[in-house]
Amino acid sequence: MTDTPETPETPITDTPPDRLSVNPRSEFHDWELLRRGVGIRFNGTERTNVEEYCISEGWIRVAAGKSLDRKGNPLTIKLTGTVEAWFKS
């Protein structure tokens, strides 16, 4: 008998996290979850241009036109309302 520690497996859930971002520099970025495909419904309308969302605080960030900041990232605006998220696959 060996004394190897058992590692618990991470369960795959069908509910997306409370907060997620598409920006790789964000602490809320998770490539594996984004690769699965996350759908966002904001105030009853499905949105495809969401940069970041938070379900518990009720907001999304979307790009503000084609404007860029000085580092080349899109300028975003924060919209508040009802946020629902689900995995597409």
Protein backbone atom coordinates (compact mmCIF):
# COMPACT_ATOMS: atom_id res chain seq x y z
CA MET A 1 0.00 0.00 0.00
CA THR A 2 1.42 3.40 -0.98
CA ASP A 3 0.90 6.69 0.79
CA THR A 4 0.01 8.76 -2.26
CA PRO A 5 -2.43 11.57 -1.60
CA GLU A 6 -5.69 11.33 -3.44
CA THR A 7 -6.59 14.32 -5.53
CA PRO A 8 -10.27 15.13 -5.73
CA GLU A 9 -11.54 15.53 -9.26
CA THR A 10 -13.03 18.88 -10.18
CA PRO A 11 -16.70 18.31 -11.03
CA ILE A 12 -17.97 19.79 -14.27
CA THR A 13 -21.04 21.87 -13.59
CA ASP A 14 -23.65 23.13 -15.99
CA THR A 15 -23.81 26.57 -14.41
CA PRO A 16 -21.36 29.27 -15.49
CA PRO A 17 -19.43 31.21 -12.85
CA ASP A 18 -20.85 34.34 -11.24
CA ARG A 19 -18.30 36.52 -13.03
CA LEU A 20 -16.38 35.91 -16.26
CA SER A 21 -14.27 38.04 -18.62
CA VAL A 22 -12.98 37.56 -22.16
CA ASN A 23 -9.90 39.70 -21.44
CA PRO A 24 -6.92 37.37 -20.83
CA ARG A 25 -5.35 39.91 -18.44
CA SER A 26 -8.37 39.82 -16.12
CA GLU A 27 -8.38 37.66 -12.99
CA PHE A 28 -11.86 36.48 -14.02
CA HIS A 29 -10.69 35.09 -17.38
CA ASP A 30 -11.04 31.31 -17.81
CA TRP A 31 -10.20 29.96 -21.26
CA GLU A 32 -11.71 26.50 -20.65
CA LEU A 33 -15.11 27.95 -19.76
CA LEU A 34 -15.05 30.40 -22.68
CA ARG A 35 -14.13 27.56 -25.04
CA ARG A 36 -17.32 25.74 -24.02
CA GLY A 37 -19.30 28.79 -25.10
CA VAL A 38 -21.23 30.99 -22.68
CA GLY A 39 -24.52 32.59 -23.64
CA ILE A 40 -25.63 35.83 -21.97
CA ARG A 41 -29.16 37.16 -21.72
CA PHE A 42 -29.35 40.77 -20.51
CA ASN A 43 -32.78 42.19 -19.61
CA GLY A 44 -34.44 39.44 -21.65
CA THR A 45 -32.34 39.93 -24.80
CA GLU A 46 -29.53 37.60 -25.85
CA ARG A 47 -26.27 39.54 -26.22
CA THR A 48 -23.23 38.43 -28.22
CA ASN A 49 -20.92 41.41 -27.60
CA VAL A 50 -20.37 41.04 -23.84
CA GLU A 51 -16.77 41.59 -22.67
CA GLU A 52 -17.42 40.77 -18.99
CA TYR A 53 -20.42 40.00 -16.79
CA CYS A 54 -21.36 39.62 -13.14
CA ILE A 55 -24.63 37.86 -12.31
CA SER A 56 -24.79 38.66 -8.57
CA GLU A 57 -24.15 42.40 -9.07
CA GLY A 58 -26.36 42.55 -12.19
CA TRP A 59 -24.11 44.16 -14.81
CA ILE A 60 -22.35 43.53 -18.11
CA ARG A 61 -19.54 45.36 -19.90
CA VAL A 62 -19.82 45.89 -23.64
CA ALA A 63 -17.55 47.66 -26.14
CA ALA A 64 -18.36 51.32 -26.71
CA GLY A 65 -18.24 51.44 -30.49
CA LYS A 66 -14.84 51.07 -32.11
CA SER A 67 -13.02 53.31 -29.62
CA LEU A 68 -9.75 52.02 -28.15
CA ASP A 69 -7.84 53.09 -25.07
CA ARG A 70 -4.15 53.99 -25.17
CA LYS A 71 -3.16 50.32 -24.74
CA GLY A 72 -5.25 49.18 -27.70
CA ASN A 73 -8.08 47.64 -25.66
CA PRO A 74 -11.69 48.46 -26.51
CA LEU A 75 -13.36 51.07 -24.34
CA THR A 76 -16.24 49.49 -22.47
CA ILE A 77 -19.38 50.73 -20.79
CA LYS A 78 -21.11 49.10 -17.84
CA LEU A 79 -24.82 48.36 -18.20
CA THR A 80 -26.91 47.31 -15.20
CA GLY A 81 -29.91 45.01 -15.27
CA THR A 82 -30.90 41.35 -15.08
CA VAL A 83 -28.10 39.00 -16.22
CA GLU A 84 -28.57 35.30 -17.05
CA ALA A 85 -25.76 33.03 -18.24
CA TRP A 86 -25.69 29.47 -19.60
CA PHE A 87 -23.32 27.15 -21.40
CA LYS A 88 -24.07 26.73 -25.10
CA SER A 89 -22.54 23.24 -25.31
